[in-house]
Amino acid sequence: MTDKDYMERAIELAKGGIGWTNPNPLVGAVIVKDGRIIGEGYHRRYGELHAERNAIASLTESAQGATMYVTLEPCCHYGKTPPCTEAILENGIRRVVIGSSDPNPKVAGKGAGILRAAGVQVDEDFMRKECDSLNPIFFHYITSRTPYVIMKYAMTADGKIATKTGASKWITGEAARNKVQKLRHRCMGIMVGIGTVLADDPMLNVRLLEGKSPIRIICDSHLRIPLDSQLVQTAKEYPTIVAYATDLNSDGEASVWKKERGPVQEVRLQEKIGKLEGLGVQTLMVSNGSGQVDLKKLMEILGEQGIDSILLEGGGILNDSALRAGIVQEVQAFIAPKIFGGHDARTPVAGVGAELPKDGILLEFGKATQIGEDLLIEYKVRQVERCLQES
């Protein structure tokens, strides 16, 4: 086997931590001696041992003189666990092959430097592209302190997310829907707008046997979320955040509209907030000054709470706002082999739209994958500054 084979094994091991390590990175490690793998491991869950220490814990013989292949630069600081550089040196590993550099200022070249200073041969940037592809979420979060946002939508071949009557279940097949469940497991948060809540009364949880449900985030400028909605009623089981933008008046009060199963009623803002929080919902006042939720400010607040990633499953209005706010890093478009037609049928991104082709938001193609009968196309948002322009 070659260096490439061993690093490919480390990459596969790292993927075992998907959905469980946030906001830590995905990391895999393999220890090789005399052409044999004598230990391997990966970072399994946040707060538990890192990949290097798990690999050392699995050793079948002494690692004296061995080579370690690790997908991310070993840490050299005390966090939830002791530095991995210490464990590498204590076990006499003489060569370390590193895939990705760690952008965390606490590490950033220091881990490799400590190993070199101790006489260890360190090879950096080996299969870096492949290793970097494991951690776009971590790299974005650790450098910006805001969540990495993936905008996901399912549409027909003619670009519709619902029929002219508003019906949208189901556009894609079961295999694609299972893929979405894995996406929910991968991300720490999931975000929708109040329109989706009022129309569908969703749960926004993960329906996998061994999956982690994300923190549910609802953008609800005028605090219209029904108290009897599934999201509110299950907020003590699944963490739920409602961001609103309704300001209090000079008397310290404001009116919001309550739309539950009965007639629409006017209620006081503080009363609604009190009831929501009593049911376990966290409320956040995040106004842009124009009566709408300030999405950029919301991302900063969520980042401060340790939320490193969000799956945006919004409708056309929220998707448009998110793109124009410049908070989206990735787009995942599921395309079904069917056509709805109709000029009134909804599309993934609403709003006024671009006036000229040159004004469109530019994407960078990632990859295309067939999932059952459907097609998943993944893009990176290439020109974020374009998003900041008002349509």
Protein backbone atom coordinates (compact mmCIF):
# COMPACT_ATOMS: atom_id res chain seq x y z
CA MET A 1 0.00 0.00 0.00
CA THR A 2 1.06 3.60 -0.63
CA ASP A 3 0.81 6.90 1.22
CA LYS A 4 -2.26 7.62 -0.90
CA ASP A 5 -3.94 4.39 0.18
CA TYR A 6 -3.39 5.13 3.85
CA MET A 7 -4.67 8.70 3.57
CA GLU A 8 -7.73 7.51 1.67
CA ARG A 9 -8.41 5.16 4.57
CA ALA A 10 -8.08 8.07 7.02
CA ILE A 11 -10.56 10.09 4.95
CA GLU A 12 -13.10 7.27 5.01
CA LEU A 13 -12.69 6.90 8.76
CA ALA A 14 -13.25 10.64 9.26
CA LYS A 15 -16.68 10.43 7.64
CA GLY A 16 -17.84 8.25 10.52
CA GLY A 17 -18.12 11.41 12.61
CA ILE A 18 -20.55 13.23 10.28
CA GLY A 19 -23.25 14.92 12.31
CA TRP A 20 -21.71 14.08 15.68
CA THR A 21 -18.54 16.20 15.95
CA ASN A 22 -19.99 19.71 15.32
CA PRO A 23 -18.65 22.28 15.85
CA ASN A 24 -15.41 20.29 15.72
CA PRO A 25 -14.01 19.05 12.39
CA LEU A 26 -14.15 15.59 10.86
CA VAL A 27 -10.77 13.92 11.29
CA GLY A 28 -9.41 10.44 10.62
CA ALA A 29 -6.03 8.94 11.47
CA VAL A 30 -4.14 5.79 10.49
CA ILE A 31 -0.89 4.52 12.06
CA VAL A 32 1.39 2.39 9.88
CA LYS A 33 4.51 0.41 10.79
CA ASP A 34 6.54 -1.84 8.49
CA GLY A 35 3.83 -1.63 5.82
CA ARG A 36 1.05 -2.68 8.20
CA ILE A 37 -1.79 -0.70 9.75
CA ILE A 38 -1.34 -1.06 13.51
CA GLY A 39 -3.91 1.51 14.64
CA GLU A 40 -6.66 3.69 13.28
CA GLY A 41 -9.41 5.94 14.56
CA TYR A 42 -11.50 9.01 14.00
CA HIS A 43 -13.08 11.81 16.00
CA ARG A 44 -16.40 10.21 16.94
CA ARG A 45 -18.26 12.87 18.92
CA TYR A 46 -17.76 16.40 20.16
CA GLY A 47 -16.03 16.34 23.54
CA GLU A 48 -14.56 12.88 23.04
CA LEU A 49 -11.02 11.86 22.03
CA HIS A 50 -9.63 13.23 18.78
CA ALA A 51 -8.76 10.97 15.86
CA GLU A 52 -5.06 10.72 16.72
CA ARG A 53 -5.71 9.61 20.29
CA ASN A 54 -8.38 7.12 19.18
CA ALA A 55 -5.90 5.67 16.68
CA ILE A 56 -3.25 5.38 19.41
CA ALA A 57 -5.79 3.75 21.75
CA SER A 58 -6.38 1.06 19.12
CA LEU A 59 -2.70 0.16 18.64
CA THR A 60 -1.99 -3.54 18.27
CA GLU A 61 1.73 -3.00 18.97
CA SER A 62 4.17 -0.22 19.83
CA ALA A 63 4.06 2.82 17.53
CA GLN A 64 7.78 3.50 18.05
CA GLY A 65 9.16 4.54 14.65
CA ALA A 66 5.74 4.40 12.95
CA THR A 67 4.07 6.82 10.50
CA MET A 68 0.74 8.51 11.21
CA TYR A 69 -1.54 9.68 8.41
CA VAL A 70 -4.01 12.29 9.63
CA THR A 71 -6.50 14.31 7.61
CA LEU A 72 -6.09 17.52 9.67
CA GLU A 73 -3.12 19.08 11.42
CA PRO A 74 -2.85 17.67 14.98
CA CYS A 75 -3.95 20.04 17.74
CA CYS A 76 -1.39 21.43 20.17
CA HIS A 77 -3.61 23.09 22.77
CA TYR A 78 -5.76 21.98 25.67
CA GLY A 79 -9.48 21.97 24.89
CA LYS A 80 -12.01 19.27 25.73
CA THR A 81 -9.08 16.84 25.42
CA PRO A 82 -5.26 17.13 25.80
CA PRO A 83 -3.08 18.07 22.79
CA CYS A 84 -2.69 15.35 20.17
CA THR A 85 0.91 16.43 19.52
CA GLU A 86 1.80 15.23 23.03
CA ALA A 87 0.35 11.77 22.37
CA ILE A 88 2.21 11.50 19.06
CA LEU A 89 5.55 12.34 20.69
CA GLU A 90 4.93 10.14 23.74
CA ASN A 91 4.36 7.13 21.47
CA GLY A 92 7.52 7.60 19.42
CA ILE A 93 5.85 8.19 16.06
CA ARG A 94 8.64 9.39 13.75
CA ARG A 95 6.71 10.61 10.68
CA VAL A 96 3.37 12.42 10.39
CA VAL A 97 1.63 12.93 7.04
CA ILE A 98 -0.94 15.75 7.23
CA GLY A 99 -3.73 16.46 4.77
CA SER A 100 -5.36 19.79 5.73
CA SER A 101 -3.84 22.67 7.65
CA ASP A 102 -5.92 23.79 10.62
CA PRO A 103 -7.15 27.41 10.27
CA ASN A 104 -7.93 27.56 14.00
CA PRO A 105 -5.63 30.30 15.36
CA LYS A 106 -4.91 28.04 18.35
CA VAL A 107 -3.32 25.50 15.97
CA ALA A 108 -2.57 27.07 12.53
CA GLY A 109 0.86 25.63 11.82
CA LYS A 110 1.80 25.31 15.48
CA GLY A 111 0.96 21.61 15.66
CA ALA A 112 3.23 20.77 12.73
CA GLY A 113 5.90 23.10 14.13
CA ILE A 114 5.96 21.40 17.53
CA LEU A 115 6.36 17.99 15.90
CA ARG A 116 9.20 19.19 13.66
CA ALA A 117 10.98 20.82 16.60
CA ALA A 118 10.89 17.44 18.36
CA GLY A 119 12.55 15.71 15.39
CA VAL A 120 9.45 14.23 13.76
CA GLN A 121 9.37 14.21 9.94
CA VAL A 122 6.24 16.14 8.94
CA ASP A 123 4.81 16.06 5.41
CA GLU A 124 2.07 18.64 4.93
CA ASP A 125 -0.65 19.26 2.30
CA PHE A 126 -0.74 15.62 1.22
CA MET A 127 -4.00 15.04 -0.69
CA ARG A 128 -5.05 18.41 0.67
CA LYS A 129 -7.96 18.91 -1.74
CA GLU A 130 -9.53 15.61 -0.71
CA CYS A 131 -8.95 16.29 2.98
CA ASP A 132 -10.21 19.88 2.75
CA SER A 133 -13.46 18.59 1.21
CA LEU A 134 -14.26 16.91 4.55
CA ASN A 135 -14.57 20.18 6.43
CA PRO A 136 -16.06 23.16 4.56
CA ILE A 137 -18.33 23.68 7.57
CA PHE A 138 -15.50 23.76 10.11
CA PHE A 139 -13.22 25.94 7.97
CA HIS A 140 -15.98 28.51 7.45
CA TYR A 141 -17.12 28.54 11.05
CA ILE A 142 -13.68 28.72 12.65
CA THR A 143 -12.68 31.68 10.48
CA SER A 144 -15.98 33.64 10.37
CA ARG A 145 -17.68 32.53 13.63
CA THR A 146 -20.94 32.31 11.68
CA PRO A 147 -22.77 29.17 10.48
CA TYR A 148 -22.07 27.57 7.12
CA VAL A 149 -25.44 27.75 5.34
CA ILE A 150 -26.58 25.13 2.83
CA MET A 151 -29.64 26.16 0.85
CA LYS A 152 -31.55 23.03 -0.14
CA TYR A 153 -34.60 22.75 -2.35
CA ALA A 154 -36.38 20.15 -4.46
CA MET A 155 -37.81 21.19 -7.80
CA THR A 156 -39.12 19.79 -11.05
CA ALA A 157 -37.25 19.85 -14.34
CA ASP A 158 -39.06 23.11 -15.14
CA GLY A 159 -38.00 24.72 -11.86
CA LYS A 160 -41.17 24.41 -9.76
CA ILE A 161 -41.23 23.63 -6.03
CA ALA A 162 -45.01 23.20 -5.93
CA THR A 163 -47.97 22.92 -8.28
CA LYS A 164 -50.27 25.88 -9.02
CA THR A 165 -52.42 24.77 -6.04
CA GLY A 166 -49.43 24.86 -3.70
CA ALA A 167 -49.12 21.06 -3.38
CA SER A 168 -45.49 19.97 -2.91
CA LYS A 169 -45.54 16.42 -1.47
CA TRP A 170 -43.72 14.72 -2.94
CA ILE A 171 -41.61 16.22 -5.72
CA THR A 172 -38.64 13.89 -5.36
CA GLY A 173 -38.49 10.17 -4.66
CA GLU A 174 -37.79 8.30 -1.45
CA ALA A 175 -34.03 7.99 -2.05
CA ALA A 176 -33.66 11.76 -2.40
CA ARG A 177 -35.77 12.35 0.69
CA ASN A 178 -33.54 9.98 2.67
CA LYS A 179 -30.54 12.00 1.48
CA VAL A 180 -32.19 15.12 2.92
CA GLN A 181 -32.56 13.36 6.26
CA LYS A 182 -28.81 12.76 6.24
CA LEU A 183 -28.27 16.44 5.46
CA ARG A 184 -30.39 17.36 8.48
CA HIS A 185 -28.27 15.03 10.60
CA ARG A 186 -25.08 16.61 9.25
CA CYS A 187 -26.05 20.20 10.14
CA MET A 188 -26.44 21.66 13.63
CA GLY A 189 -29.42 23.80 12.64
CA ILE A 190 -32.31 23.82 10.20
CA MET A 191 -34.03 27.06 9.21
CA VAL A 192 -37.41 27.83 7.61
CA GLY A 193 -39.67 30.83 7.28
CA ILE A 194 -43.05 31.33 8.92
CA GLY A 195 -44.77 30.68 5.58
CA THR A 196 -43.55 27.09 5.63
CA VAL A 197 -44.69 26.67 9.23
CA LEU A 198 -48.22 28.00 8.55
CA ALA A 199 -48.59 25.99 5.35
CA ASP A 200 -47.10 22.63 6.39
CA ASP A 201 -46.91 22.54 10.23
CA PRO A 202 -43.58 20.65 9.94
CA MET A 203 -41.54 18.89 12.63
CA LEU A 204 -38.12 19.51 11.00
CA ASN A 205 -36.55 16.61 12.87
CA VAL A 206 -34.48 13.68 11.62
CA ARG A 207 -36.35 10.48 10.86
CA LEU A 208 -33.32 8.20 10.85
CA LEU A 209 -32.85 5.47 13.42
CA GLU A 210 -29.37 6.71 14.30
CA GLY A 211 -29.61 10.38 13.45
CA LYS A 212 -29.28 13.65 15.38
CA SER A 213 -32.06 16.19 14.93
CA PRO A 214 -30.92 19.77 14.30
CA ILE A 215 -31.78 22.89 16.25
CA ARG A 216 -34.91 24.31 14.61
CA ILE A 217 -34.79 27.99 13.63
CA ILE A 218 -37.85 29.87 12.39
CA CYS A 219 -37.70 33.33 10.81
CA ASP A 220 -40.99 34.88 11.88
CA SER A 221 -40.82 38.67 11.63
CA HIS A 222 -44.25 39.32 13.17
CA LEU A 223 -44.29 36.37 15.57
CA ARG A 224 -47.21 34.61 13.91
CA ILE A 225 -46.15 31.07 14.82
CA PRO A 226 -49.12 29.16 16.28
CA LEU A 227 -48.74 28.01 19.86
CA ASP A 228 -50.31 24.69 18.90
CA SER A 229 -47.90 24.07 16.00
CA GLN A 230 -45.75 20.94 16.13
CA LEU A 231 -42.60 23.05 16.41
CA VAL A 232 -43.79 24.84 19.52
CA GLN A 233 -45.39 21.81 21.13
CA THR A 234 -42.17 19.78 20.80
CA ALA A 235 -39.72 22.59 21.68
CA LYS A 236 -38.73 20.94 24.96
CA GLU A 237 -37.74 17.81 23.05
CA TYR A 238 -36.04 19.49 20.08
CA PRO A 239 -34.33 22.87 20.68
CA THR A 240 -36.29 25.55 18.83
CA ILE A 241 -35.45 29.20 18.13
CA VAL A 242 -37.90 31.78 16.78
CA ALA A 243 -36.35 34.98 15.41
CA TYR A 244 -38.72 37.93 15.16
CA ALA A 245 -38.55 41.63 14.30
CA THR A 246 -41.66 43.20 15.84
CA ASP A 247 -40.57 46.22 17.87
CA LEU A 248 -42.19 47.35 21.11
CA ASN A 249 -43.95 50.72 20.98
CA SER A 250 -43.33 53.65 23.34
CA ASP A 251 -45.52 51.97 25.95
CA GLY A 252 -43.38 48.85 25.83
CA GLU A 253 -46.08 46.87 24.06
CA ALA A 254 -46.82 45.70 20.55
CA SER A 255 -49.50 43.66 18.85
CA VAL A 256 -48.91 40.47 16.94
CA TRP A 257 -51.33 38.22 15.15
CA LYS A 258 -52.09 34.79 16.55
CA LYS A 259 -53.25 32.31 13.94
CA GLU A 260 -54.13 29.03 15.55
CA ARG A 261 -56.86 26.54 14.74
CA GLY A 262 -59.58 29.07 15.55
CA PRO A 263 -60.15 32.69 14.42
CA VAL A 264 -57.24 35.07 13.97
CA GLN A 265 -56.81 37.18 17.11
CA GLU A 266 -54.73 40.14 18.19
CA VAL A 267 -52.48 39.46 21.17
CA ARG A 268 -49.76 41.36 23.00
CA LEU A 269 -46.17 40.69 21.99
CA GLN A 270 -44.95 40.11 25.52
CA GLU A 271 -47.81 37.71 26.15
CA LYS A 272 -46.91 35.71 23.05
CA ILE A 273 -43.22 35.66 23.94
CA GLY A 274 -44.03 34.50 27.45
CA LYS A 275 -46.18 31.64 26.20
CA LEU A 276 -43.57 30.57 23.65
CA GLU A 277 -40.75 30.59 26.17
CA GLY A 278 -42.95 28.75 28.67
CA LEU A 279 -43.26 25.99 26.09
CA GLY A 280 -39.47 25.83 25.65
CA VAL A 281 -38.97 28.09 22.65
CA GLN A 282 -36.01 30.49 22.61
CA THR A 283 -37.06 33.84 21.12
CA LEU A 284 -34.64 36.30 19.51
CA MET A 285 -35.43 39.89 18.59
CA VAL A 286 -33.33 40.48 15.45
CA SER A 287 -34.73 43.40 13.47
CA ASN A 288 -33.20 45.05 10.43
CA GLY A 289 -35.04 48.27 11.28
CA SER A 290 -37.65 47.71 8.58
CA GLY A 291 -39.79 45.14 10.33
CA GLN A 292 -37.93 42.10 8.97
CA VAL A 293 -35.49 39.66 10.56
CA ASP A 294 -31.89 40.73 9.98
CA LEU A 295 -30.39 37.50 8.65
CA LYS A 296 -26.74 38.57 8.87
CA LYS A 297 -27.17 39.59 12.51
CA LEU A 298 -29.05 36.36 13.19
CA MET A 299 -26.11 34.36 11.81
CA GLU A 300 -23.76 36.21 14.16
CA ILE A 301 -25.96 35.41 17.16
CA LEU A 302 -26.31 31.75 16.18
CA GLY A 303 -22.55 31.52 15.67
CA GLU A 304 -22.02 32.87 19.18
CA GLN A 305 -24.26 30.06 20.42
CA GLY A 306 -21.93 27.51 18.83
CA ILE A 307 -24.13 26.65 15.84
CA ASP A 308 -21.66 25.96 13.03
CA SER A 309 -24.01 24.98 10.20
CA ILE A 310 -27.58 25.48 9.00
CA LEU A 311 -29.64 23.62 6.43
CA LEU A 312 -31.89 26.26 4.88
CA GLU A 313 -35.15 24.60 3.82
CA GLY A 314 -36.99 27.83 3.18
CA GLY A 315 -39.52 28.76 0.57
CA GLY A 316 -38.88 31.23 -2.22
CA ILE A 317 -39.16 34.34 -0.03
CA LEU A 318 -36.68 33.25 2.65
CA ASN A 319 -34.30 31.81 0.04
CA ASP A 320 -34.29 35.13 -1.80
CA SER A 321 -33.65 37.06 1.41
CA ALA A 322 -30.84 34.69 2.42
CA LEU A 323 -29.09 34.99 -0.93
CA ARG A 324 -29.36 38.77 -0.98
CA ALA A 325 -28.06 38.92 2.60
CA GLY A 326 -25.00 36.94 1.52
CA ILE A 327 -25.34 34.25 4.18
CA VAL A 328 -25.51 31.22 1.84
CA GLN A 329 -22.29 29.29 1.13
CA GLU A 330 -23.67 26.25 -0.70
CA VAL A 331 -26.70 25.32 -2.79
CA GLN A 332 -28.02 21.77 -3.13
CA ALA A 333 -30.69 21.44 -5.79
CA PHE A 334 -32.63 18.19 -6.06
CA ILE A 335 -34.21 17.94 -9.51
CA ALA A 336 -37.07 15.52 -10.18
CA PRO A 337 -37.81 14.11 -13.66
CA LYS A 338 -41.24 15.73 -13.93
CA ILE A 339 -42.80 18.97 -15.15
CA PHE A 340 -45.57 20.94 -13.39
CA GLY A 341 -45.90 23.97 -15.66
CA GLY A 342 -48.06 26.96 -14.82
CA HIS A 343 -47.04 30.59 -14.42
CA ASP A 344 -48.45 30.65 -10.86
CA ALA A 345 -46.48 27.64 -9.64
CA ARG A 346 -43.80 28.60 -7.10
CA THR A 347 -40.06 28.57 -7.78
CA PRO A 348 -37.13 28.05 -5.34
CA VAL A 349 -36.15 31.73 -5.20
CA ALA A 350 -38.80 34.45 -5.25
CA GLY A 351 -38.40 38.21 -4.84
CA VAL A 352 -38.10 40.76 -7.63
CA GLY A 353 -35.31 38.87 -9.34
CA ALA A 354 -32.38 40.05 -11.46
CA GLU A 355 -32.99 42.61 -14.17
CA LEU A 356 -30.17 41.38 -16.43
CA PRO A 357 -28.33 38.05 -16.75
CA LYS A 358 -25.13 39.69 -15.49
CA ASP A 359 -26.91 40.57 -12.24
CA GLY A 360 -27.56 36.96 -11.28
CA ILE A 361 -25.95 35.34 -8.25
CA LEU A 362 -23.03 33.30 -9.53
CA LEU A 363 -22.49 29.70 -8.47
CA GLU A 364 -19.54 27.37 -8.82
CA PHE A 365 -20.38 23.82 -9.87
CA GLY A 366 -19.37 21.16 -7.38
CA LYS A 367 -20.76 17.84 -8.51
CA ALA A 368 -23.86 16.10 -9.81
CA THR A 369 -25.14 12.81 -8.40
CA GLN A 370 -28.05 10.64 -9.48
CA ILE A 371 -30.13 9.61 -6.46
CA GLY A 372 -32.81 7.15 -7.48
CA GLU A 373 -34.63 8.81 -10.37
CA ASP A 374 -33.67 12.29 -9.18
CA LEU A 375 -30.57 14.40 -9.71
CA LEU A 376 -28.68 16.29 -6.99
CA ILE A 377 -26.55 19.21 -8.17
CA GLU A 378 -24.25 20.82 -5.62
CA TYR A 379 -22.88 24.35 -6.00
CA LYS A 380 -20.80 26.81 -4.00
CA VAL A 381 -21.92 30.43 -3.98
CA ARG A 382 -19.08 32.00 -5.93
CA GLN A 383 -19.79 35.70 -5.83
CA VAL A 384 -21.17 36.57 -2.42
CA GLU A 385 -20.78 40.31 -2.97
CA ARG A 386 -23.42 40.06 -5.71
CA CYS A 387 -25.81 38.77 -3.07
CA LEU A 388 -25.49 41.94 -1.09
CA GLN A 389 -27.07 44.03 -3.82
CA GLU A 390 -30.77 44.67 -3.50
CA SER A 391 -32.80 43.39 -6.43
